[in-house]
Amino acid sequence: MRHVLALLLVVVSSTPAFAQTAAPEGVDAAIQRTMEAFQVPGIAVAVVKDGKVVLAKGYGVRKLDTQAQVTPDTLFGIASNTKAFTAAALAMLVDEGKLQWDDRVVDHLPSFQMHDPYVTRELTIRDLLVHRSGLGLGAGDLLYFPQSTFTEDEIVARLRHIPPASSFRSRYAYDNILYLVAGKVIEKASGKTWSAFIRERIFAPLGMRTSNTTVTAFKPGMNVAMPHAKADGVLKAIVPVPFDNNAPAGAINSSVNELSRWMLAQLERGAIPGTEGKKRLFSEEQSREMWSAQTVLPLKEPSKALAGARANFAAYGLGWSLRDYRGYKLVGHTGGLPGYVSRVVLVPELKLGIAVLTNQEERGGYEAPTWALLDAYLGTPTPTDWVAAFKADDAEREAKAEAVVAGLGAGRNAQSRPSLPVEAYAGKYRDAWYGDVAIAKEGEKWVLRFSRTPALTGALEHWQYDTFVARWKDRALNADAFVTFSLKPDGSIGEMRMQPVSPLTDFSYNFQDLRFTPVKEDAPGKVARPVH
């Protein structure tokens, strides 16, 4: 990779940014190698520099086993890169005097409640964006991920039942659910839904004509990259997953051509490209606020392979992650949904922006090109071979995860039997914030079904004692979970708990936060009640 990056450095440094309209040969080679190494069907890349788009190009195919090429106009799900758009919408409303960052949420949404009354009373609009509310990592994500039938209002109402994992504002823990509340604040303050506000107040002024806020807008024949995921190790195309009931956290679909305009506006501190600063999305003051550290992140020592990416500081702003690299401040975000992962990074001091969109769930697919381009533009004298680095880091992480799973298997008593007859575990179970799941015999298998999440349907296999494993029918979820029952002194079931089998399971499968109790089925017309 180093010979490729060296060429990339020469090309970029020797070609004026305003004249560079095609991908340099070094970039092409680096990205092709990335695609091969991480089995990514399609990648789109954009680079903006000094107020100009210097690269916008697609690579590979939109869907495996087809000839439909990725172009600069191909739409990808940008997932959590949506959060910066939600923050910008709030910033615009702050500029207009319709709200302030430190307004209490309850002053805009009187019915809003968190689990702790003190937090309910004190939580501010700023707090909605900066991952320090006391909620745990990914808390409540199972209310909308995988796709569920909960409405936005139902999800917000269920927040009051999610217990905190830490005290208020004491530590960082990434969450998605409070961005939905932020979207409700936007709706209340502006009179427009979050989706309408984003389309009319951000997409339209920037000329983002094909970007949208829902995969339901995809129609046959559109230039859309299909998401891909591995099912039992085999890569396959999957159906785009709607994120409509928490759209402010991750529902935008866009292309590198249109994200280029977004990055240019960000680097111009809110000024709309092509207007010479006469028209703005938001003020310079709000730009500084969004890019200021709000929550300090603990620094983790990277693996040996990724030592070149070591940070000296890390923080979260308002919808943006902040860190340093080789003496420069980086403002950016990553995004991940089933089959789509992406990265946007800005280097304000250099007026540089990079966007990488992919249609495969491989971290290296978007990270390796991003870091290679950063090295090129920052003039790194001995750039890291980022493809090799992320491959090595992935191998290390996978080996550790496999060791954990193997350790669980080694300690398993496969000869053990459940405490009760298998049919005794059947029935309905209820969690305070999620709601109901059911276990029933279907054919020859006992099946666990989440009532509001169709994809979470899986056969239960006995593991040991009173623990089973839920093997989800949709193998692309890659999220099998242990299901453990505890008994009361009288031998009846008192509780059912879950936890992911693999440490590599996406944190949004927050099974460990669920606490199910059996529900007694009453006569028709009466409400079922938990068994105490």
Protein backbone atom coordinates (compact mmCIF):
# COMPACT_ATOMS: atom_id res chain seq x y z
CA MET A 1 0.00 0.00 0.00
CA ARG A 2 2.85 2.42 0.70
CA HIS A 3 3.80 2.75 -2.96
CA VAL A 4 0.16 3.56 -3.74
CA LEU A 5 -0.02 6.18 -0.97
CA ALA A 6 3.27 7.68 -2.02
CA LEU A 7 1.85 8.16 -5.51
CA LEU A 8 -1.30 9.62 -4.00
CA LEU A 9 0.79 12.12 -2.04
CA VAL A 10 2.63 13.22 -5.18
CA VAL A 11 -0.55 13.59 -7.22
CA VAL A 12 -2.39 15.62 -4.62
CA SER A 13 0.50 17.87 -3.70
CA SER A 14 1.46 18.59 -7.32
CA THR A 15 -2.03 19.30 -8.69
CA PRO A 16 -3.86 22.55 -7.82
CA ALA A 17 -7.07 21.72 -5.96
CA PHE A 18 -9.25 23.80 -8.28
CA ALA A 19 -7.98 21.86 -11.31
CA GLN A 20 -8.36 18.37 -9.88
CA THR A 21 -11.65 17.13 -11.30
CA ALA A 22 -10.91 13.41 -11.64
CA ALA A 23 -9.70 10.82 -9.18
CA PRO A 24 -5.89 10.68 -9.05
CA GLU A 25 -4.45 7.35 -10.05
CA GLY A 26 -3.22 6.74 -6.52
CA VAL A 27 -6.67 7.16 -5.04
CA ASP A 28 -8.18 4.71 -7.51
CA ALA A 29 -5.59 2.06 -6.70
CA ALA A 30 -5.95 2.53 -2.96
CA ILE A 31 -9.73 2.21 -3.06
CA GLN A 32 -9.70 -0.79 -5.37
CA ARG A 33 -7.38 -2.53 -2.94
CA THR A 34 -9.70 -1.60 -0.08
CA MET A 35 -12.68 -3.10 -1.88
CA GLU A 36 -10.86 -6.35 -2.51
CA ALA A 37 -9.46 -6.62 1.02
CA PHE A 38 -12.79 -6.00 2.77
CA GLN A 39 -15.18 -7.49 0.18
CA VAL A 40 -17.01 -4.22 -0.38
CA PRO A 41 -19.17 -4.25 -3.54
CA GLY A 42 -19.37 -0.47 -3.89
CA ILE A 43 -17.70 2.67 -2.52
CA ALA A 44 -18.26 6.35 -3.27
CA VAL A 45 -15.72 9.01 -2.26
CA ALA A 46 -15.76 12.79 -2.22
CA VAL A 47 -13.05 15.29 -1.33
CA VAL A 48 -13.57 19.03 -1.03
CA LYS A 49 -10.65 21.43 -0.60
CA ASP A 50 -10.48 25.21 -0.38
CA GLY A 51 -14.09 25.68 -1.40
CA LYS A 52 -13.96 23.31 -4.39
CA VAL A 53 -14.96 19.72 -5.06
CA VAL A 54 -11.71 18.06 -6.09
CA LEU A 55 -12.94 14.46 -6.17
CA ALA A 56 -16.36 12.84 -6.42
CA LYS A 57 -16.28 9.31 -7.75
CA GLY A 58 -17.96 5.92 -7.46
CA TYR A 59 -16.26 2.53 -7.48
CA GLY A 60 -17.63 -0.97 -7.88
CA VAL A 61 -21.26 -1.98 -8.14
CA ARG A 62 -24.48 -1.03 -6.41
CA LYS A 63 -25.45 -4.68 -5.96
CA LEU A 64 -23.54 -7.94 -6.10
CA ASP A 65 -23.87 -9.94 -9.31
CA THR A 66 -25.05 -6.94 -11.30
CA GLN A 67 -23.36 -4.46 -13.61
CA ALA A 68 -25.01 -1.37 -12.08
CA GLN A 69 -22.06 0.88 -11.35
CA VAL A 70 -21.68 3.15 -8.34
CA THR A 71 -21.50 6.78 -9.49
CA PRO A 72 -21.05 10.09 -7.61
CA ASP A 73 -24.86 10.37 -7.64
CA THR A 74 -25.55 6.93 -6.14
CA LEU A 75 -27.56 7.14 -2.93
CA PHE A 76 -26.30 5.36 0.20
CA GLY A 77 -27.67 5.31 3.72
CA ILE A 78 -25.44 7.67 5.72
CA ALA A 79 -26.83 6.44 9.07
CA SER A 80 -25.50 8.41 12.04
CA ASN A 81 -23.96 11.06 9.82
CA THR A 82 -27.59 12.21 9.92
CA LYS A 83 -27.00 13.46 13.46
CA ALA A 84 -25.04 16.49 12.21
CA PHE A 85 -28.06 17.50 10.11
CA THR A 86 -30.29 17.29 13.19
CA ALA A 87 -27.83 19.44 15.13
CA ALA A 88 -27.72 21.96 12.26
CA ALA A 89 -31.52 22.17 12.25
CA LEU A 90 -31.50 23.01 15.95
CA ALA A 91 -28.72 25.56 15.37
CA MET A 92 -30.87 27.28 12.77
CA LEU A 93 -33.71 27.52 15.26
CA VAL A 94 -31.32 28.94 17.85
CA ASP A 95 -30.29 31.61 15.31
CA GLU A 96 -33.98 32.42 14.82
CA GLY A 97 -34.56 32.79 18.56
CA LYS A 98 -37.08 29.95 18.65
CA LEU A 99 -35.06 28.02 21.22
CA GLN A 100 -31.73 28.04 23.07
CA TRP A 101 -29.28 25.20 23.50
CA ASP A 102 -29.75 25.24 27.27
CA ASP A 103 -33.54 25.39 27.24
CA ARG A 104 -35.06 22.56 29.24
CA VAL A 105 -36.64 19.91 27.05
CA VAL A 106 -39.81 19.90 29.17
CA ASP A 107 -40.33 23.58 28.38
CA HIS A 108 -40.78 22.59 24.72
CA LEU A 109 -42.23 19.10 25.24
CA PRO A 110 -44.20 19.17 28.51
CA SER A 111 -45.06 15.45 28.40
CA PHE A 112 -41.41 14.38 28.06
CA GLN A 113 -40.17 12.06 30.81
CA MET A 114 -36.98 10.22 31.65
CA HIS A 115 -36.74 7.48 34.28
CA ASP A 116 -35.39 9.88 36.91
CA PRO A 117 -37.61 12.91 37.71
CA TYR A 118 -34.53 15.06 38.33
CA VAL A 119 -33.17 14.26 34.87
CA THR A 120 -36.58 14.92 33.35
CA ARG A 121 -36.62 18.35 34.94
CA GLU A 122 -33.02 19.31 34.13
CA LEU A 123 -32.32 17.72 30.71
CA THR A 124 -31.59 20.40 28.11
CA ILE A 125 -31.72 20.48 24.34
CA ARG A 126 -27.92 20.41 24.40
CA ASP A 127 -28.04 17.24 26.48
CA LEU A 128 -30.11 15.51 23.80
CA LEU A 129 -27.16 15.56 21.40
CA VAL A 130 -24.07 14.84 23.49
CA HIS A 131 -24.48 11.32 24.95
CA ARG A 132 -24.19 12.11 28.65
CA SER A 133 -27.78 11.71 29.88
CA GLY A 134 -27.00 8.68 32.04
CA LEU A 135 -28.50 6.23 29.57
CA GLY A 136 -26.31 3.24 28.75
CA LEU A 137 -24.65 2.48 25.43
CA GLY A 138 -27.36 2.05 22.79
CA ALA A 139 -30.11 2.22 25.41
CA GLY A 140 -33.54 1.70 23.90
CA ASP A 141 -32.25 0.92 20.42
CA LEU A 142 -34.34 -2.25 20.25
CA LEU A 143 -37.43 -0.04 20.13
CA TYR A 144 -36.63 0.80 16.49
CA PHE A 145 -33.71 -1.42 15.45
CA PRO A 146 -34.18 -3.79 13.70
CA GLN A 147 -37.25 -2.25 12.08
CA SER A 148 -40.13 -2.21 14.54
CA THR A 149 -43.79 -1.25 14.56
CA PHE A 150 -43.41 1.30 17.37
CA THR A 151 -44.38 4.85 16.45
CA GLU A 152 -42.20 7.84 17.28
CA ASP A 153 -44.57 8.89 20.05
CA GLU A 154 -44.60 5.39 21.54
CA ILE A 155 -40.81 5.31 21.60
CA VAL A 156 -40.53 8.71 23.30
CA ALA A 157 -43.17 7.66 25.85
CA ARG A 158 -41.23 4.47 26.68
CA LEU A 159 -38.10 6.46 27.57
CA ARG A 160 -39.49 6.88 31.08
CA HIS A 161 -39.17 3.12 31.63
CA ILE A 162 -35.47 2.85 30.66
CA PRO A 163 -33.36 2.95 33.84
CA PRO A 164 -30.11 4.92 33.77
CA ALA A 165 -26.73 3.21 33.62
CA SER A 166 -24.89 6.09 35.30
CA SER A 167 -25.62 9.37 37.00
CA PHE A 168 -26.70 12.39 34.97
CA ARG A 169 -23.89 14.05 32.93
CA SER A 170 -21.25 11.87 34.58
CA ARG A 171 -19.93 9.98 31.56
CA TYR A 172 -20.16 9.44 27.82
CA ALA A 173 -22.36 6.63 26.47
CA TYR A 174 -23.46 6.81 22.84
CA ASP A 175 -27.21 6.71 22.32
CA ASN A 176 -29.64 7.22 19.46
CA ILE A 177 -32.98 7.56 21.18
CA LEU A 178 -32.52 11.15 22.41
CA TYR A 179 -32.01 12.33 18.83
CA LEU A 180 -35.62 11.32 18.26
CA VAL A 181 -36.56 13.70 21.08
CA ALA A 182 -34.43 16.36 19.39
CA GLY A 183 -36.48 15.82 16.24
CA LYS A 184 -39.66 16.36 18.25
CA VAL A 185 -38.23 19.63 19.60
CA ILE A 186 -37.55 20.75 16.01
CA GLU A 187 -41.12 19.92 15.08
CA LYS A 188 -42.54 21.83 18.05
CA ALA A 189 -40.36 24.91 17.54
CA SER A 190 -40.65 25.11 13.73
CA GLY A 191 -44.11 23.77 13.01
CA LYS A 192 -42.57 21.31 10.53
CA THR A 193 -41.78 17.65 10.95
CA TRP A 194 -38.09 16.83 11.24
CA SER A 195 -38.16 15.34 7.72
CA ALA A 196 -39.85 18.39 6.19
CA PHE A 197 -37.44 20.75 7.96
CA ILE A 198 -34.39 18.87 6.68
CA ARG A 199 -35.74 18.77 3.12
CA GLU A 200 -36.90 22.38 2.97
CA ARG A 201 -34.34 24.16 5.12
CA ILE A 202 -31.14 22.18 4.38
CA PHE A 203 -31.46 19.97 1.30
CA ALA A 204 -33.21 22.57 -0.89
CA PRO A 205 -30.87 25.53 -0.20
CA LEU A 206 -27.82 23.32 -0.73
CA GLY A 207 -29.14 21.82 -3.96
CA MET A 208 -29.29 18.32 -2.48
CA ARG A 209 -32.08 17.35 -4.87
CA THR A 210 -31.95 13.56 -4.64
CA SER A 211 -31.10 13.16 -0.95
CA ASN A 212 -34.00 11.97 1.17
CA THR A 213 -34.95 11.00 4.70
CA THR A 214 -36.42 7.52 4.21
CA VAL A 215 -35.64 4.37 2.26
CA THR A 216 -39.34 4.21 1.41
CA ALA A 217 -38.51 6.94 -1.14
CA PHE A 218 -36.43 4.42 -3.11
CA LYS A 219 -38.16 3.42 -6.36
CA PRO A 220 -37.23 0.80 -8.98
CA GLY A 221 -34.65 2.14 -11.36
CA MET A 222 -33.27 4.75 -8.97
CA ASN A 223 -29.51 5.14 -8.58
CA VAL A 224 -29.36 3.46 -5.16
CA ALA A 225 -26.66 1.27 -3.65
CA MET A 226 -28.17 -1.85 -2.14
CA PRO A 227 -26.88 -2.71 1.34
CA HIS A 228 -24.92 -5.93 1.87
CA ALA A 229 -24.19 -8.05 4.93
CA LYS A 230 -22.70 -11.43 5.72
CA ALA A 231 -25.11 -14.19 6.66
CA ASP A 232 -23.23 -17.09 8.27
CA GLY A 233 -20.09 -15.76 6.59
CA VAL A 234 -21.54 -15.38 3.09
CA LEU A 235 -21.93 -11.87 1.68
CA LYS A 236 -25.35 -11.10 0.23
CA ALA A 237 -27.52 -8.14 -0.70
CA ILE A 238 -30.19 -7.31 1.87
CA VAL A 239 -33.28 -5.11 1.80
CA PRO A 240 -32.70 -1.51 3.00
CA VAL A 241 -33.99 -1.25 6.56
CA PRO A 242 -36.35 1.67 7.25
CA PHE A 243 -35.35 3.87 10.17
CA ASP A 244 -38.43 6.05 9.98
CA ASN A 245 -39.39 5.86 13.66
CA ASN A 246 -36.05 7.38 14.71
CA ALA A 247 -35.14 9.27 11.54
CA PRO A 248 -33.29 12.17 13.27
CA ALA A 249 -30.67 9.69 14.46
CA GLY A 250 -29.84 8.03 11.16
CA ALA A 251 -32.33 7.98 8.28
CA ILE A 252 -30.78 10.24 5.61
CA ASN A 253 -29.78 8.77 2.25
CA SER A 254 -27.38 10.82 0.13
CA SER A 255 -24.65 10.72 -2.50
CA VAL A 256 -21.08 11.99 -2.45
CA ASN A 257 -21.97 14.67 -4.99
CA GLU A 258 -24.58 16.09 -2.63
CA LEU A 259 -22.62 15.49 0.58
CA SER A 260 -19.89 17.58 -1.04
CA ARG A 261 -22.19 20.59 -0.85
CA TRP A 262 -22.96 19.79 2.78
CA MET A 263 -19.23 19.60 3.59
CA LEU A 264 -18.52 22.86 1.77
CA ALA A 265 -21.24 24.62 3.77
CA GLN A 266 -19.83 23.21 7.00
CA LEU A 267 -16.29 24.31 6.15
CA GLU A 268 -17.63 27.79 5.33
CA ARG A 269 -19.17 27.93 8.79
CA GLY A 270 -22.74 27.70 7.55
CA ALA A 271 -22.48 29.73 4.34
CA ILE A 272 -24.24 28.17 1.35
CA PRO A 273 -21.80 27.34 -1.48
CA GLY A 274 -21.96 29.69 -4.45
CA THR A 275 -23.59 32.57 -2.58
CA GLU A 276 -20.34 34.31 -1.53
CA GLY A 277 -21.54 34.13 2.04
CA LYS A 278 -24.73 36.10 1.37
CA LYS A 279 -26.96 33.15 2.21
CA ARG A 280 -26.42 30.91 5.20
CA LEU A 281 -27.83 27.83 6.84
CA PHE A 282 -26.61 28.89 10.27
CA SER A 283 -24.31 31.50 11.80
CA GLU A 284 -20.59 31.27 12.47
CA GLU A 285 -21.44 31.39 16.16
CA GLN A 286 -23.52 28.23 15.88
CA SER A 287 -20.82 26.55 13.80
CA ARG A 288 -18.33 27.17 16.61
CA GLU A 289 -20.84 25.84 19.15
CA MET A 290 -21.44 22.61 17.23
CA TRP A 291 -17.71 22.04 16.84
CA SER A 292 -16.89 22.76 20.50
CA ALA A 293 -16.26 19.91 22.91
CA GLN A 294 -19.36 19.19 24.98
CA THR A 295 -18.61 15.73 26.37
CA VAL A 296 -15.06 14.53 26.92
CA LEU A 297 -14.42 10.98 25.69
CA PRO A 298 -11.97 8.65 27.42
CA LEU A 299 -8.96 7.89 25.26
CA LYS A 300 -8.46 4.23 24.48
CA GLU A 301 -5.07 2.90 23.52
CA PRO A 302 -5.36 1.67 19.92
CA SER A 303 -4.08 -1.71 18.87
CA LYS A 304 -0.51 -1.92 17.62
CA ALA A 305 -1.81 -2.05 14.04
CA LEU A 306 -3.68 1.26 14.43
CA ALA A 307 -1.06 3.06 16.50
CA GLY A 308 -0.71 5.61 13.70
CA ALA A 309 -4.24 6.86 14.41
CA ARG A 310 -3.61 7.51 18.11
CA ALA A 311 -5.43 10.61 19.37
CA ASN A 312 -4.35 13.10 22.01
CA PHE A 313 -7.90 14.24 22.71
CA ALA A 314 -11.38 13.08 21.85
CA ALA A 315 -14.74 14.68 22.54
CA TYR A 316 -18.29 14.91 21.26
CA GLY A 317 -19.70 18.21 20.07
CA LEU A 318 -23.25 18.83 18.91
CA GLY A 319 -23.84 16.06 16.39
CA TRP A 320 -20.11 15.79 15.61
CA SER A 321 -17.19 13.77 16.96
CA LEU A 322 -14.00 15.73 17.64
CA ARG A 323 -10.38 14.55 17.84
CA ASP A 324 -6.91 15.41 16.62
CA TYR A 325 -4.61 13.86 14.03
CA ARG A 326 -1.05 14.97 13.33
CA GLY A 327 -1.61 18.36 14.91
CA TYR A 328 -4.92 19.09 13.20
CA LYS A 329 -8.41 19.12 14.66
CA LEU A 330 -10.76 16.66 12.97
CA VAL A 331 -14.52 17.14 12.99
CA GLY A 332 -16.45 14.13 11.77
CA HIS A 333 -18.75 11.21 12.33
CA THR A 334 -19.24 7.62 11.31
CA GLY A 335 -22.51 5.95 10.42
CA GLY A 336 -23.69 2.37 10.41
CA LEU A 337 -26.94 0.68 9.45
CA PRO A 338 -27.51 -2.87 8.21
CA GLY A 339 -25.48 -3.04 5.02
CA TYR A 340 -24.28 0.59 5.00
CA VAL A 341 -21.29 2.15 6.78
CA SER A 342 -19.81 5.57 6.16
CA ARG A 343 -17.52 8.31 7.37
CA VAL A 344 -17.43 12.09 7.00
CA VAL A 345 -14.38 13.99 8.27
CA LEU A 346 -13.55 17.68 8.09
CA VAL A 347 -10.22 19.40 8.71
CA PRO A 348 -11.35 23.00 9.25
CA GLU A 349 -7.85 24.47 9.33
CA LEU A 350 -7.15 23.08 5.85
CA LYS A 351 -10.65 23.66 4.46
CA LEU A 352 -10.61 19.92 3.71
CA GLY A 353 -13.55 17.52 3.77
CA ILE A 354 -13.70 13.79 2.99
CA ALA A 355 -16.77 11.57 2.66
CA VAL A 356 -16.65 7.81 2.13
CA LEU A 357 -19.87 5.82 1.62
CA THR A 358 -19.99 2.03 1.36
CA ASN A 359 -22.61 -0.70 0.92
CA GLN A 360 -21.07 -3.36 3.14
CA GLU A 361 -20.72 -3.72 6.92
CA GLU A 362 -16.92 -3.61 7.01
CA ARG A 363 -15.22 -0.95 9.09
CA GLY A 364 -12.06 -1.03 7.01
CA GLY A 365 -14.08 -0.31 3.88
CA TYR A 366 -14.65 3.30 4.92
CA GLU A 367 -11.82 3.81 7.40
CA ALA A 368 -8.87 2.82 5.19
CA PRO A 369 -9.69 5.28 2.33
CA THR A 370 -10.41 8.06 4.84
CA TRP A 371 -7.10 7.76 6.65
CA ALA A 372 -5.19 7.31 3.39
CA LEU A 373 -6.66 10.55 2.05
CA LEU A 374 -5.94 12.35 5.32
CA ASP A 375 -2.31 11.22 5.13
CA ALA A 376 -2.11 12.45 1.55
CA TYR A 377 -3.50 15.91 2.24
CA LEU A 378 -1.67 16.34 5.53
CA GLY A 379 1.63 15.47 3.87
CA THR A 380 2.41 12.55 6.17
CA PRO A 381 6.04 11.60 5.41
CA THR A 382 5.63 7.85 6.08
CA PRO A 383 1.93 7.07 5.67
CA THR A 384 0.50 3.96 7.27
CA ASP A 385 -0.66 1.07 5.12
CA TRP A 386 -4.24 1.51 6.35
CA VAL A 387 -5.66 -1.50 4.53
CA ALA A 388 -3.14 -3.78 6.23
CA ALA A 389 -3.65 -1.95 9.53
CA PHE A 390 -7.40 -2.40 9.62
CA LYS A 391 -7.13 -6.00 8.40
CA ALA A 392 -4.73 -6.73 11.25
CA ASP A 393 -6.92 -4.94 13.79
CA ASP A 394 -10.00 -6.80 12.58
CA ALA A 395 -8.16 -10.11 12.85
CA GLU A 396 -7.15 -9.29 16.41
CA ARG A 397 -10.69 -8.28 17.42
CA GLU A 398 -12.19 -11.36 15.79
CA ALA A 399 -9.66 -13.63 17.46
CA LYS A 400 -10.50 -12.18 20.87
CA ALA A 401 -14.22 -12.56 20.24
CA GLU A 402 -13.79 -16.13 19.06
CA ALA A 403 -11.77 -16.88 22.19
CA VAL A 404 -14.59 -15.54 24.35
CA VAL A 405 -17.20 -17.63 22.52
CA ALA A 406 -14.93 -20.67 22.60
CA GLY A 407 -14.43 -20.17 26.33
CA LEU A 408 -18.18 -20.18 26.84
CA GLY A 409 -18.38 -23.41 24.87
CA ALA A 410 -15.55 -25.00 26.82
CA GLY A 411 -17.31 -24.30 30.09
CA ARG A 412 -20.64 -25.54 28.85
CA ASN A 413 -22.23 -28.59 30.41
CA ALA A 414 -23.82 -30.04 27.29
CA GLN A 415 -25.22 -32.97 29.26
CA SER A 416 -27.27 -30.72 31.53
CA ARG A 417 -31.01 -30.44 31.18
CA PRO A 418 -33.45 -27.59 31.79
CA SER A 419 -34.96 -27.43 35.27
CA LEU A 420 -38.46 -27.60 33.81
CA PRO A 421 -40.11 -29.38 30.89
CA VAL A 422 -39.44 -27.32 27.75
CA GLU A 423 -43.11 -26.44 27.34
CA ALA A 424 -43.05 -24.76 30.76
CA TYR A 425 -40.88 -21.99 29.30
CA ALA A 426 -43.49 -21.15 26.67
CA GLY A 427 -45.75 -18.16 27.04
CA LYS A 428 -45.68 -14.38 27.01
CA TYR A 429 -43.01 -12.28 28.73
CA ARG A 430 -42.95 -8.52 29.28
CA ASP A 431 -40.20 -5.91 29.68
CA ALA A 432 -41.08 -2.49 31.07
CA TRP A 433 -39.67 -0.47 28.17
CA TYR A 434 -39.76 -2.86 25.21
CA GLY A 435 -43.02 -4.66 25.84
CA ASP A 436 -43.85 -8.26 24.99
CA VAL A 437 -42.14 -11.28 23.52
CA ALA A 438 -43.57 -14.77 23.21
CA ILE A 439 -42.21 -18.30 23.17
CA ALA A 440 -44.27 -20.94 21.38
CA LYS A 441 -43.80 -24.22 19.56
CA GLU A 442 -43.82 -23.83 15.79
CA GLY A 443 -43.49 -27.12 13.99
CA GLU A 444 -40.70 -29.02 15.71
CA LYS A 445 -38.99 -25.94 17.18
CA TRP A 446 -39.56 -23.63 20.08
CA VAL A 447 -39.49 -20.09 18.73
CA LEU A 448 -38.94 -16.72 20.42
CA ARG A 449 -40.73 -13.77 18.81
CA PHE A 450 -40.45 -10.09 19.68
CA SER A 451 -43.98 -8.71 19.35
CA ARG A 452 -43.05 -5.40 17.69
CA THR A 453 -39.86 -6.41 15.83
CA PRO A 454 -40.54 -8.97 13.08
CA ALA A 455 -36.86 -9.65 12.36
CA LEU A 456 -36.27 -10.78 15.93
CA THR A 457 -37.77 -14.21 15.43
CA GLY A 458 -35.56 -17.18 16.16
CA ALA A 459 -35.47 -20.81 17.17
CA LEU A 460 -34.38 -21.58 20.72
CA GLU A 461 -31.65 -24.17 21.12
CA HIS A 462 -30.81 -25.52 24.56
CA TRP A 463 -27.36 -24.41 25.69
CA GLN A 464 -27.09 -25.61 29.27
CA TYR A 465 -29.21 -25.71 32.42
CA ASP A 466 -31.84 -22.96 32.03
CA THR A 467 -30.04 -21.10 29.26
CA PHE A 468 -30.96 -21.31 25.58
CA VAL A 469 -29.62 -19.62 22.45
CA ALA A 470 -31.91 -17.66 20.15
CA ARG A 471 -30.74 -18.25 16.56
CA TRP A 472 -32.44 -15.52 14.55
CA LYS A 473 -34.04 -16.66 11.32
CA ASP A 474 -32.48 -13.70 9.50
CA ARG A 475 -28.84 -14.76 9.64
CA ALA A 476 -27.67 -11.37 8.33
CA LEU A 477 -28.46 -9.89 11.76
CA ASN A 478 -25.32 -11.52 13.21
CA ALA A 479 -26.79 -11.08 16.68
CA ASP A 480 -27.63 -14.47 18.21
CA ALA A 481 -28.39 -14.15 21.90
CA PHE A 482 -28.37 -16.22 25.08
CA VAL A 483 -31.77 -16.48 26.78
CA THR A 484 -31.57 -17.39 30.48
CA PHE A 485 -34.45 -18.16 32.83
CA SER A 486 -34.32 -17.84 36.62
CA LEU A 487 -36.72 -19.70 38.88
CA LYS A 488 -38.59 -18.71 42.00
CA PRO A 489 -38.38 -20.83 45.17
CA ASP A 490 -41.62 -22.55 44.17
CA GLY A 491 -40.08 -23.65 40.87
CA SER A 492 -41.99 -21.25 38.64
CA ILE A 493 -40.24 -18.88 36.24
CA GLY A 494 -39.40 -15.54 37.80
CA GLU A 495 -37.44 -13.79 35.09
CA MET A 496 -35.97 -14.13 31.60
CA ARG A 497 -32.78 -12.25 30.67
CA MET A 498 -30.82 -12.02 27.42
CA GLN A 499 -27.32 -11.15 26.28
CA PRO A 500 -25.46 -11.28 22.94
CA VAL A 501 -23.45 -14.42 22.27
CA SER A 502 -20.55 -12.66 20.55
CA PRO A 503 -18.70 -9.59 21.87
CA LEU A 504 -18.75 -8.30 18.27
CA THR A 505 -22.56 -8.02 18.23
CA ASP A 506 -23.61 -4.47 17.32
CA PHE A 507 -24.30 -2.46 20.47
CA SER A 508 -27.78 -1.54 19.22
CA TYR A 509 -28.86 -5.08 20.01
CA ASN A 510 -29.07 -4.08 23.66
CA PHE A 511 -30.55 -7.40 24.78
CA GLN A 512 -28.74 -7.13 28.11
CA ASP A 513 -30.95 -4.20 29.12
CA LEU A 514 -34.14 -6.26 28.87
CA ARG A 515 -35.67 -7.73 32.01
CA PHE A 516 -38.62 -9.94 31.12
CA THR A 517 -41.15 -11.36 33.55
CA PRO A 518 -43.89 -13.87 32.72
CA VAL A 519 -47.31 -12.48 31.82
CA LYS A 520 -50.42 -14.26 33.02
CA GLU A 521 -52.97 -14.53 30.23
CA ASP A 522 -56.37 -13.40 31.51
CA ALA A 523 -59.77 -14.21 30.10
CA PRO A 524 -60.73 -12.58 26.76
CA GLY A 525 -61.40 -8.87 27.14
CA LYS A 526 -59.15 -8.50 30.19
CA VAL A 527 -55.64 -7.08 30.16
CA ALA A 528 -52.81 -9.56 30.67
CA ARG A 529 -50.73 -8.82 33.75
CA PRO A 530 -47.18 -9.70 34.86
CA VAL A 531 -46.82 -12.56 37.31
CA HIS A 532 -45.30 -11.42 40.62
